[in-house]
Amino acid sequence: MNLVPWRGRESGVDLFDDLEGFQKEMNRLCNVTLHHPGKKGNGGALWAPAGDIIDEKDHIRVRADLPGMKKEEIEVSVDNDTLTIRGEKREEKEIKEKDYVRSERYYGAFHRSFTLPAGVDPQKVNAGYKDGVLEITLPKREDAKPKQIKVDIK
């Protein structure tokens, strides 16, 4: 824990200085990586793949970064309105070199769950995996697709 020197207040209160300090502290706290002893990968850090969700006209597309994994190590499932991606990234080999100082790559089991909007057809979901990116396409049901109605102006 860092010790912070006490600063006495000058005359008057500057609310914006206080808010700026609070925001800096919150930003610092949000950038901290949580480590849990006993877990594998990057000094014990828990990890989950980064993902994007794109809402397109006819479908929803989900992309997740899973570099270095094989498609056989990845499981995708849809249960009601939840899409779940599971897998385990195994460490390639144990490094026993004298100059080895730090590991920043993540290993171990993971899962990510995304709540899907109403209107997705779970029977027609498909997924592909190429160049370390998992891409899942979730087609929308016909009644959930946006419809454009032309209105004549009189």
N, C-alpha and C. Protein backbone atom coordinates (compact mmCIF):
# COMPACT_ATOMS: atom_id res chain seq x y z
N MET A 1 0.84 -1.17 0.00
CA MET A 1 0.00 0.00 0.00
C MET A 1 0.89 1.23 0.00
N ASN A 2 0.59 2.19 -0.85
CA ASN A 2 1.36 3.42 -0.93
C ASN A 2 0.85 4.42 0.11
N LEU A 3 1.79 5.12 0.73
CA LEU A 3 1.41 6.20 1.63
C LEU A 3 1.29 7.48 0.82
N VAL A 4 0.23 8.19 1.07
CA VAL A 4 -0.02 9.43 0.35
C VAL A 4 0.12 10.58 1.34
N PRO A 5 0.99 11.55 1.04
CA PRO A 5 1.16 12.65 1.97
C PRO A 5 -0.12 13.47 2.10
N TRP A 6 -0.36 13.95 3.30
CA TRP A 6 -1.54 14.76 3.56
C TRP A 6 -1.33 16.14 2.98
N ARG A 7 -2.38 16.65 2.29
CA ARG A 7 -2.34 18.01 1.77
C ARG A 7 -3.42 18.79 2.49
N GLY A 8 -3.01 19.85 3.08
CA GLY A 8 -3.99 20.72 3.72
C GLY A 8 -4.77 21.47 2.66
N ARG A 9 -5.99 21.81 2.96
CA ARG A 9 -6.82 22.55 2.02
C ARG A 9 -6.46 24.03 2.06
N GLU A 10 -6.42 24.58 0.88
CA GLU A 10 -6.27 26.02 0.80
C GLU A 10 -7.64 26.62 1.06
N SER A 11 -7.70 27.88 1.17
CA SER A 11 -9.00 28.49 1.44
C SER A 11 -9.96 28.19 0.30
N GLY A 12 -11.17 27.84 0.64
CA GLY A 12 -12.17 27.50 -0.36
C GLY A 12 -12.09 26.02 -0.72
N VAL A 13 -13.12 25.54 -1.35
CA VAL A 13 -13.19 24.15 -1.76
C VAL A 13 -13.30 24.11 -3.28
N ASP A 14 -12.42 23.30 -3.90
CA ASP A 14 -12.49 23.16 -5.35
C ASP A 14 -13.05 21.78 -5.67
N LEU A 15 -14.33 21.75 -5.94
CA LEU A 15 -15.03 20.50 -6.20
C LEU A 15 -14.44 19.76 -7.39
N PHE A 16 -14.02 20.49 -8.43
CA PHE A 16 -13.51 19.85 -9.63
C PHE A 16 -12.18 19.15 -9.38
N ASP A 17 -11.33 19.70 -8.52
CA ASP A 17 -10.09 19.00 -8.15
C ASP A 17 -10.41 17.70 -7.44
N ASP A 18 -11.38 17.73 -6.53
CA ASP A 18 -11.77 16.52 -5.81
C ASP A 18 -12.32 15.47 -6.77
N LEU A 19 -13.17 15.87 -7.72
CA LEU A 19 -13.74 14.92 -8.69
C LEU A 19 -12.66 14.36 -9.61
N GLU A 20 -11.72 15.20 -10.00
CA GLU A 20 -10.64 14.73 -10.86
C GLU A 20 -9.79 13.70 -10.13
N GLY A 21 -9.49 13.94 -8.89
CA GLY A 21 -8.73 12.98 -8.09
C GLY A 21 -9.48 11.67 -7.92
N PHE A 22 -10.77 11.78 -7.67
CA PHE A 22 -11.61 10.59 -7.53
C PHE A 22 -11.62 9.79 -8.83
N GLN A 23 -11.75 10.48 -9.98
CA GLN A 23 -11.77 9.79 -11.26
C GLN A 23 -10.44 9.10 -11.53
N LYS A 24 -9.33 9.74 -11.22
CA LYS A 24 -8.02 9.11 -11.42
C LYS A 24 -7.88 7.85 -10.57
N GLU A 25 -8.35 7.91 -9.34
CA GLU A 25 -8.27 6.75 -8.46
C GLU A 25 -9.16 5.61 -8.97
N MET A 26 -10.36 5.93 -9.45
CA MET A 26 -11.25 4.90 -10.00
C MET A 26 -10.64 4.28 -11.26
N ASN A 27 -10.04 5.08 -12.11
CA ASN A 27 -9.38 4.55 -13.31
C ASN A 27 -8.24 3.62 -12.93
N ARG A 28 -7.49 4.00 -11.90
CA ARG A 28 -6.38 3.15 -11.45
C ARG A 28 -6.92 1.82 -10.93
N LEU A 29 -8.00 1.86 -10.15
CA LEU A 29 -8.57 0.64 -9.60
C LEU A 29 -9.13 -0.27 -10.69
N CYS A 30 -9.72 0.31 -11.73
CA CYS A 30 -10.31 -0.49 -12.80
C CYS A 30 -9.25 -1.14 -13.69
N ASN A 31 -8.03 -0.66 -13.66
CA ASN A 31 -6.97 -1.22 -14.48
C ASN A 31 -6.14 -2.26 -13.75
N VAL A 32 -6.50 -2.61 -12.54
CA VAL A 32 -5.76 -3.59 -11.76
C VAL A 32 -6.16 -4.99 -12.21
N THR A 33 -5.18 -5.87 -12.41
CA THR A 33 -5.46 -7.26 -12.74
C THR A 33 -5.54 -8.04 -11.43
N LEU A 34 -6.62 -8.79 -11.26
CA LEU A 34 -6.79 -9.57 -10.05
C LEU A 34 -6.04 -10.89 -10.17
N HIS A 35 -5.25 -11.24 -9.17
CA HIS A 35 -4.52 -12.50 -9.15
C HIS A 35 -5.04 -13.35 -8.01
N HIS A 36 -5.22 -14.63 -8.28
CA HIS A 36 -5.69 -15.56 -7.27
C HIS A 36 -4.69 -16.68 -7.16
N PRO A 37 -4.06 -16.87 -6.00
CA PRO A 37 -3.10 -17.95 -5.86
C PRO A 37 -3.73 -19.30 -6.14
N GLY A 38 -2.95 -20.18 -6.74
CA GLY A 38 -3.45 -21.52 -7.00
C GLY A 38 -4.07 -21.69 -8.37
N LYS A 39 -4.34 -20.62 -9.09
CA LYS A 39 -4.91 -20.72 -10.43
C LYS A 39 -3.76 -20.71 -11.43
N LYS A 40 -3.98 -21.34 -12.59
CA LYS A 40 -2.92 -21.41 -13.59
C LYS A 40 -2.94 -20.19 -14.50
N GLY A 41 -1.79 -19.88 -15.06
CA GLY A 41 -1.69 -18.87 -16.10
C GLY A 41 -1.37 -17.49 -15.57
N ASN A 42 -0.36 -16.88 -16.13
CA ASN A 42 0.02 -15.50 -15.86
C ASN A 42 0.05 -15.19 -14.37
N GLY A 43 0.78 -15.97 -13.63
CA GLY A 43 0.92 -15.71 -12.21
C GLY A 43 -0.36 -15.95 -11.44
N GLY A 44 -1.28 -16.68 -12.01
CA GLY A 44 -2.51 -17.00 -11.31
C GLY A 44 -3.70 -16.16 -11.71
N ALA A 45 -3.58 -15.35 -12.76
CA ALA A 45 -4.71 -14.49 -13.14
C ALA A 45 -5.80 -15.30 -13.82
N LEU A 46 -7.04 -14.97 -13.50
CA LEU A 46 -8.16 -15.56 -14.21
C LEU A 46 -8.27 -14.85 -15.55
N TRP A 47 -8.74 -15.56 -16.55
CA TRP A 47 -8.84 -14.91 -17.85
C TRP A 47 -10.09 -15.36 -18.58
N ALA A 48 -10.51 -14.56 -19.49
CA ALA A 48 -11.61 -14.87 -20.39
C ALA A 48 -11.32 -14.18 -21.71
N PRO A 49 -11.68 -14.80 -22.82
CA PRO A 49 -11.39 -14.18 -24.12
C PRO A 49 -12.16 -12.89 -24.32
N ALA A 50 -11.53 -11.96 -25.01
CA ALA A 50 -12.20 -10.71 -25.37
C ALA A 50 -13.20 -11.01 -26.46
N GLY A 51 -14.33 -10.31 -26.43
CA GLY A 51 -15.37 -10.58 -27.42
C GLY A 51 -16.05 -9.33 -27.92
N ASP A 52 -16.60 -9.42 -29.12
CA ASP A 52 -17.40 -8.35 -29.72
C ASP A 52 -18.76 -8.94 -30.06
N ILE A 53 -19.81 -8.13 -29.90
CA ILE A 53 -21.15 -8.52 -30.31
C ILE A 53 -21.64 -7.47 -31.29
N ILE A 54 -22.00 -7.92 -32.49
CA ILE A 54 -22.42 -7.01 -33.55
C ILE A 54 -23.86 -7.36 -33.93
N ASP A 55 -24.75 -6.39 -33.84
CA ASP A 55 -26.16 -6.60 -34.21
C ASP A 55 -26.33 -6.14 -35.65
N GLU A 56 -26.53 -7.10 -36.54
CA GLU A 56 -26.72 -6.81 -37.95
C GLU A 56 -28.19 -7.03 -38.31
N LYS A 57 -28.56 -6.69 -39.53
CA LYS A 57 -29.97 -6.74 -39.94
C LYS A 57 -30.59 -8.13 -39.76
N ASP A 58 -29.94 -9.16 -40.28
CA ASP A 58 -30.51 -10.50 -40.28
C ASP A 58 -29.99 -11.41 -39.18
N HIS A 59 -28.93 -11.01 -38.50
CA HIS A 59 -28.34 -11.89 -37.50
C HIS A 59 -27.50 -11.09 -36.49
N ILE A 60 -27.12 -11.77 -35.45
CA ILE A 60 -26.19 -11.22 -34.47
C ILE A 60 -24.90 -12.01 -34.62
N ARG A 61 -23.80 -11.29 -34.65
CA ARG A 61 -22.50 -11.93 -34.82
C ARG A 61 -21.68 -11.71 -33.54
N VAL A 62 -21.09 -12.78 -33.04
CA VAL A 62 -20.23 -12.71 -31.86
C VAL A 62 -18.85 -13.18 -32.29
N ARG A 63 -17.84 -12.38 -31.95
CA ARG A 63 -16.45 -12.73 -32.25
C ARG A 63 -15.67 -12.77 -30.94
N ALA A 64 -14.86 -13.82 -30.77
CA ALA A 64 -14.05 -13.96 -29.57
C ALA A 64 -12.63 -14.32 -29.97
N ASP A 65 -11.65 -13.66 -29.33
CA ASP A 65 -10.24 -13.93 -29.60
C ASP A 65 -9.78 -15.11 -28.77
N LEU A 66 -9.35 -16.18 -29.45
CA LEU A 66 -8.86 -17.39 -28.79
C LEU A 66 -7.57 -17.84 -29.47
N PRO A 67 -6.53 -17.01 -29.42
CA PRO A 67 -5.30 -17.35 -30.13
C PRO A 67 -4.62 -18.59 -29.56
N GLY A 68 -4.06 -19.38 -30.45
CA GLY A 68 -3.30 -20.55 -30.03
C GLY A 68 -4.14 -21.76 -29.65
N MET A 69 -5.44 -21.68 -29.84
CA MET A 69 -6.29 -22.83 -29.48
C MET A 69 -6.70 -23.58 -30.74
N LYS A 70 -7.05 -24.85 -30.54
CA LYS A 70 -7.60 -25.67 -31.62
C LYS A 70 -9.12 -25.66 -31.49
N LYS A 71 -9.82 -25.81 -32.60
CA LYS A 71 -11.28 -25.76 -32.54
C LYS A 71 -11.86 -26.88 -31.69
N GLU A 72 -11.14 -27.99 -31.56
CA GLU A 72 -11.60 -29.10 -30.73
C GLU A 72 -11.57 -28.75 -29.24
N GLU A 73 -10.84 -27.71 -28.86
CA GLU A 73 -10.72 -27.31 -27.45
C GLU A 73 -11.78 -26.27 -27.06
N ILE A 74 -12.66 -25.91 -28.00
CA ILE A 74 -13.64 -24.86 -27.77
C ILE A 74 -15.05 -25.47 -27.83
N GLU A 75 -15.90 -25.07 -26.88
CA GLU A 75 -17.29 -25.53 -26.86
C GLU A 75 -18.20 -24.31 -26.89
N VAL A 76 -19.19 -24.34 -27.78
CA VAL A 76 -20.17 -23.26 -27.91
C VAL A 76 -21.55 -23.85 -27.67
N SER A 77 -22.34 -23.20 -26.80
CA SER A 77 -23.70 -23.69 -26.55
C SER A 77 -24.65 -22.51 -26.39
N VAL A 78 -25.92 -22.75 -26.73
CA VAL A 78 -26.98 -21.76 -26.54
C VAL A 78 -28.04 -22.42 -25.68
N ASP A 79 -28.36 -21.78 -24.56
CA ASP A 79 -29.38 -22.28 -23.65
C ASP A 79 -30.34 -21.14 -23.36
N ASN A 80 -31.57 -21.26 -23.88
CA ASN A 80 -32.57 -20.20 -23.78
C ASN A 80 -32.02 -18.92 -24.38
N ASP A 81 -31.75 -17.91 -23.59
CA ASP A 81 -31.27 -16.63 -24.12
C ASP A 81 -29.81 -16.37 -23.76
N THR A 82 -29.03 -17.44 -23.53
CA THR A 82 -27.64 -17.29 -23.13
C THR A 82 -26.72 -18.07 -24.05
N LEU A 83 -25.74 -17.37 -24.62
CA LEU A 83 -24.69 -17.99 -25.42
C LEU A 83 -23.49 -18.18 -24.51
N THR A 84 -22.93 -19.40 -24.48
CA THR A 84 -21.78 -19.68 -23.63
C THR A 84 -20.65 -20.24 -24.48
N ILE A 85 -19.46 -19.71 -24.24
CA ILE A 85 -18.23 -20.20 -24.88
C ILE A 85 -17.35 -20.74 -23.76
N ARG A 86 -16.92 -21.99 -23.90
CA ARG A 86 -16.06 -22.63 -22.90
C ARG A 86 -14.84 -23.23 -23.59
N GLY A 87 -13.79 -23.41 -22.80
CA GLY A 87 -12.62 -24.08 -23.33
C GLY A 87 -11.51 -24.09 -22.31
N GLU A 88 -10.40 -24.64 -22.73
CA GLU A 88 -9.21 -24.64 -21.88
C GLU A 88 -7.99 -24.49 -22.77
N LYS A 89 -7.21 -23.50 -22.46
CA LYS A 89 -5.98 -23.26 -23.19
C LYS A 89 -4.85 -23.87 -22.38
N ARG A 90 -4.20 -24.86 -22.97
CA ARG A 90 -3.15 -25.57 -22.26
C ARG A 90 -1.79 -24.94 -22.54
N GLU A 91 -0.95 -24.96 -21.52
CA GLU A 91 0.40 -24.42 -21.67
C GLU A 91 1.18 -25.33 -22.60
N GLU A 92 1.91 -24.72 -23.54
CA GLU A 92 2.61 -25.50 -24.56
C GLU A 92 3.73 -26.35 -23.99
N LYS A 93 4.56 -25.75 -23.16
CA LYS A 93 5.64 -26.49 -22.52
C LYS A 93 6.12 -25.66 -21.34
N GLU A 94 6.75 -26.32 -20.43
CA GLU A 94 7.28 -25.61 -19.27
C GLU A 94 8.65 -25.06 -19.62
N ILE A 95 8.85 -23.79 -19.38
CA ILE A 95 10.10 -23.13 -19.71
C ILE A 95 11.01 -23.18 -18.49
N LYS A 96 12.22 -23.68 -18.69
CA LYS A 96 13.16 -23.80 -17.58
C LYS A 96 14.48 -23.13 -17.94
N GLU A 97 14.40 -21.97 -18.53
CA GLU A 97 15.60 -21.23 -18.89
C GLU A 97 15.97 -20.29 -17.75
N LYS A 98 17.23 -19.99 -17.61
CA LYS A 98 17.69 -19.10 -16.55
C LYS A 98 17.20 -17.67 -16.77
N ASP A 99 17.05 -17.25 -18.02
CA ASP A 99 16.68 -15.88 -18.31
C ASP A 99 15.16 -15.65 -18.30
N TYR A 100 14.40 -16.68 -18.02
CA TYR A 100 12.94 -16.55 -18.01
C TYR A 100 12.53 -15.73 -16.80
N VAL A 101 11.85 -14.60 -17.04
CA VAL A 101 11.52 -13.68 -15.97
C VAL A 101 10.03 -13.58 -15.72
N ARG A 102 9.22 -13.60 -16.78
CA ARG A 102 7.80 -13.29 -16.62
C ARG A 102 6.97 -13.99 -17.69
N SER A 103 5.74 -14.33 -17.35
CA SER A 103 4.80 -14.91 -18.30
C SER A 103 3.57 -14.01 -18.37
N GLU A 104 3.23 -13.54 -19.56
CA GLU A 104 2.07 -12.69 -19.73
C GLU A 104 0.98 -13.38 -20.55
N ARG A 105 1.19 -14.62 -20.94
CA ARG A 105 0.19 -15.35 -21.70
C ARG A 105 -0.68 -16.13 -20.73
N TYR A 106 -1.96 -16.20 -21.04
CA TYR A 106 -2.92 -16.85 -20.16
C TYR A 106 -3.14 -18.30 -20.54
N TYR A 107 -3.26 -19.14 -19.52
CA TYR A 107 -3.54 -20.56 -19.70
C TYR A 107 -4.59 -20.97 -18.70
N GLY A 108 -5.29 -22.04 -19.01
CA GLY A 108 -6.28 -22.57 -18.09
C GLY A 108 -7.67 -22.53 -18.68
N ALA A 109 -8.62 -23.00 -17.88
CA ALA A 109 -10.01 -23.08 -18.33
C ALA A 109 -10.65 -21.69 -18.30
N PHE A 110 -11.63 -21.48 -19.17
CA PHE A 110 -12.34 -20.22 -19.22
C PHE A 110 -13.78 -20.48 -19.64
N HIS A 111 -14.62 -19.52 -19.40
CA HIS A 111 -15.96 -19.51 -19.99
C HIS A 111 -16.46 -18.07 -20.03
N ARG A 112 -17.19 -17.77 -21.09
CA ARG A 112 -17.83 -16.46 -21.26
C ARG A 112 -19.28 -16.72 -21.59
N SER A 113 -20.16 -15.97 -20.98
CA SER A 113 -21.58 -16.08 -21.28
C SER A 113 -22.11 -14.71 -21.70
N PHE A 114 -22.93 -14.71 -22.73
CA PHE A 114 -23.53 -13.49 -23.25
C PHE A 114 -25.04 -13.67 -23.26
N THR A 115 -25.77 -12.69 -22.73
CA THR A 115 -27.22 -12.73 -22.80
C THR A 115 -27.65 -12.23 -24.17
N LEU A 116 -28.45 -13.03 -24.84
CA LEU A 116 -28.88 -12.70 -26.19
C LEU A 116 -30.21 -11.95 -26.18
N PRO A 117 -30.40 -11.06 -27.12
CA PRO A 117 -31.70 -10.37 -27.20
C PRO A 117 -32.78 -11.34 -27.68
N ALA A 118 -34.02 -11.00 -27.39
CA ALA A 118 -35.13 -11.82 -27.86
C ALA A 118 -35.14 -11.83 -29.38
N GLY A 119 -35.57 -12.92 -29.96
CA GLY A 119 -35.69 -12.97 -31.42
C GLY A 119 -34.61 -13.78 -32.10
N VAL A 120 -33.65 -14.33 -31.36
CA VAL A 120 -32.60 -15.15 -31.97
C VAL A 120 -33.15 -16.56 -32.13
N ASP A 121 -32.85 -17.17 -33.27
CA ASP A 121 -33.29 -18.54 -33.53
C ASP A 121 -32.17 -19.51 -33.11
N PRO A 122 -32.28 -20.14 -31.94
CA PRO A 122 -31.18 -20.98 -31.43
C PRO A 122 -30.95 -22.25 -32.25
N GLN A 123 -31.91 -22.65 -33.08
CA GLN A 123 -31.76 -23.86 -33.89
C GLN A 123 -30.85 -23.65 -35.10
N LYS A 124 -30.61 -22.39 -35.46
CA LYS A 124 -29.84 -22.11 -36.68
C LYS A 124 -28.48 -21.46 -36.39
N VAL A 125 -28.00 -21.56 -35.16
CA VAL A 125 -26.72 -20.96 -34.79
C VAL A 125 -25.59 -21.74 -35.45
N ASN A 126 -24.60 -21.03 -35.98
CA ASN A 126 -23.41 -21.71 -36.50
C ASN A 126 -22.18 -20.96 -36.09
N ALA A 127 -21.05 -21.68 -36.07
CA ALA A 127 -19.79 -21.08 -35.62
C ALA A 127 -18.65 -21.52 -36.52
N GLY A 128 -17.67 -20.64 -36.64
CA GLY A 128 -16.45 -20.94 -37.38
C GLY A 128 -15.25 -20.44 -36.61
N TYR A 129 -14.11 -21.08 -36.85
CA TYR A 129 -12.89 -20.70 -36.12
C TYR A 129 -11.75 -20.61 -37.13
N LYS A 130 -11.15 -19.43 -37.23
CA LYS A 130 -10.06 -19.23 -38.18
C LYS A 130 -9.09 -18.19 -37.63
N ASP A 131 -7.82 -18.48 -37.72
CA ASP A 131 -6.75 -17.56 -37.33
C ASP A 131 -6.92 -17.04 -35.89
N GLY A 132 -7.36 -17.92 -34.99
CA GLY A 132 -7.47 -17.54 -33.59
C GLY A 132 -8.71 -16.75 -33.22
N VAL A 133 -9.65 -16.61 -34.16
CA VAL A 133 -10.87 -15.87 -33.89
C VAL A 133 -12.07 -16.80 -34.08
N LEU A 134 -12.87 -16.93 -33.02
CA LEU A 134 -14.11 -17.69 -33.08
C LEU A 134 -15.21 -16.73 -33.50
N GLU A 135 -15.95 -17.10 -34.56
CA GLU A 135 -17.05 -16.25 -35.02
C GLU A 135 -18.34 -17.06 -34.99
N ILE A 136 -19.31 -16.56 -34.24
CA ILE A 136 -20.59 -17.24 -34.07
C ILE A 136 -21.67 -16.37 -34.71
N THR A 137 -22.50 -16.97 -35.56
CA THR A 137 -23.59 -16.27 -36.21
C THR A 137 -24.91 -16.79 -35.64
N LEU A 138 -25.70 -15.86 -35.12
CA LEU A 138 -26.99 -16.20 -34.51
C LEU A 138 -28.09 -15.54 -35.34
N PRO A 139 -28.72 -16.29 -36.25
CA PRO A 139 -29.76 -15.71 -37.11
C PRO A 139 -30.97 -15.23 -36.29
N LYS A 140 -31.57 -14.16 -36.76
CA LYS A 140 -32.78 -13.65 -36.12
C LYS A 140 -33.99 -14.34 -36.75
N ARG A 141 -35.02 -14.56 -35.94
CA ARG A 141 -36.27 -15.09 -36.48
C ARG A 141 -36.91 -14.02 -37.35
N GLU A 142 -37.71 -14.43 -38.30
CA GLU A 142 -38.34 -13.49 -39.23
C GLU A 142 -39.15 -12.41 -38.51
N ASP A 143 -39.86 -12.81 -37.45
CA ASP A 143 -40.68 -11.83 -36.74
C ASP A 143 -39.85 -10.84 -35.92
N ALA A 144 -38.55 -11.13 -35.73
CA ALA A 144 -37.70 -10.24 -34.95
C ALA A 144 -36.88 -9.29 -35.83
N LYS A 145 -36.87 -9.54 -37.14
CA LYS A 145 -36.10 -8.68 -38.04
C LYS A 145 -36.80 -7.33 -38.18
N PRO A 146 -36.02 -6.25 -38.28
CA PRO A 146 -36.65 -4.94 -38.44
C PRO A 146 -37.36 -4.84 -39.79
N LYS A 147 -38.52 -4.25 -39.75
CA LYS A 147 -39.29 -4.08 -40.98
C LYS A 147 -39.47 -2.59 -41.25
N GLN A 148 -39.30 -2.24 -42.50
CA GLN A 148 -39.47 -0.85 -42.88
C GLN A 148 -40.84 -0.70 -43.54
N ILE A 149 -41.58 0.24 -43.05
CA ILE A 149 -42.90 0.52 -43.60
C ILE A 149 -42.86 1.90 -44.23
N LYS A 150 -43.18 1.94 -45.51
CA LYS A 150 -43.17 3.22 -46.21
C LYS A 150 -44.48 3.93 -45.97
N VAL A 151 -44.40 5.18 -45.59
CA VAL A 151 -45.60 5.98 -45.33
C VAL A 151 -45.66 7.06 -46.40
N ASP A 152 -46.78 7.09 -47.09
CA ASP A 152 -46.97 8.12 -48.11
C ASP A 152 -47.35 9.43 -47.44
N ILE A 153 -46.75 10.48 -47.89
CA ILE A 153 -47.05 11.80 -47.36
C ILE A 153 -48.06 12.45 -48.29
N LYS A 154 -49.16 12.92 -47.74
CA LYS A 154 -50.22 13.52 -48.56
C LYS A 154 -50.23 15.00 -48.39
